[in-house]
Amino acid sequence: MAYIITDACVSCGACADQCPVSAIAEGDGKYEINPDVCVSCGACADQCPVSAIEEG
């Protein structure tokens, strides 16, 4: 199941830099993960400084 970014996101971009499939892009007020591209590797969640990424 794809990961999701919660409203706790501070838009730092650390997650997008770590995504091996470029599934993360800046959205309206926070970053967003495209569930059709996400491979559920968890690399983004490991890099989030505010723990805003969780399994969806």
Protein backbone atom coordinates (compact mmCIF):
# COMPACT_ATOMS: atom_id res chain seq x y z
CA MET A 1 0.00 0.00 0.00
CA ALA A 2 1.29 3.46 -0.88
CA TYR A 3 2.54 5.88 1.74
CA ILE A 4 0.71 9.14 2.46
CA ILE A 5 1.88 12.50 3.75
CA THR A 6 -0.19 13.88 6.62
CA ASP A 7 -1.00 17.50 7.44
CA ALA A 8 2.03 17.52 9.77
CA CYS A 9 4.19 18.06 6.65
CA VAL A 10 6.37 21.19 6.86
CA SER A 11 7.19 21.19 3.12
CA CYS A 12 10.94 20.73 3.63
CA GLY A 13 11.32 18.45 0.59
CA ALA A 14 13.52 15.86 2.31
CA CYS A 15 11.15 13.08 1.28
CA ALA A 16 11.11 14.02 -2.41
CA ASP A 17 14.90 13.90 -2.57
CA GLN A 18 14.88 10.31 -1.25
CA CYS A 19 12.13 8.83 -3.43
CA PRO A 20 13.70 6.36 -5.92
CA VAL A 21 10.71 6.54 -8.29
CA SER A 22 9.98 10.29 -8.10
CA ALA A 23 6.49 9.71 -6.69
CA ILE A 24 6.61 12.79 -4.45
CA ALA A 25 5.87 16.33 -5.58
CA GLU A 26 5.13 19.64 -3.91
CA GLY A 27 1.40 20.09 -3.49
CA ASP A 28 -0.84 22.77 -2.08
CA GLY A 29 0.65 23.48 1.36
CA LYS A 30 2.41 20.13 1.68
CA TYR A 31 4.14 17.48 -0.38
CA GLU A 32 2.03 14.70 -1.90
CA ILE A 33 2.76 11.11 -2.90
CA ASN A 34 1.31 9.76 -6.14
CA PRO A 35 -0.12 6.37 -5.10
CA ASP A 36 0.07 5.06 -8.67
CA VAL A 37 3.84 5.54 -8.71
CA CYS A 38 4.75 4.80 -5.06
CA VAL A 39 6.44 1.42 -4.57
CA SER A 40 6.01 1.46 -0.75
CA CYS A 41 9.74 1.28 -0.06
CA GLY A 42 9.59 3.60 2.97
CA ALA A 43 12.66 5.65 2.04
CA CYS A 44 10.65 8.85 2.34
CA ALA A 45 9.29 8.03 5.80
CA ASP A 46 12.81 7.38 7.09
CA GLN A 47 13.88 10.88 6.01
CA CYS A 48 10.92 12.93 7.26
CA PRO A 49 12.09 15.12 10.17
CA VAL A 50 8.54 15.53 11.55
CA SER A 51 7.26 11.96 10.98
CA ALA A 52 4.53 13.19 8.64
CA ILE A 53 4.68 10.14 6.35
CA GLU A 54 2.82 6.95 7.13
CA GLU A 55 1.57 3.86 5.34
CA GLY A 56 -1.78 4.52 3.72
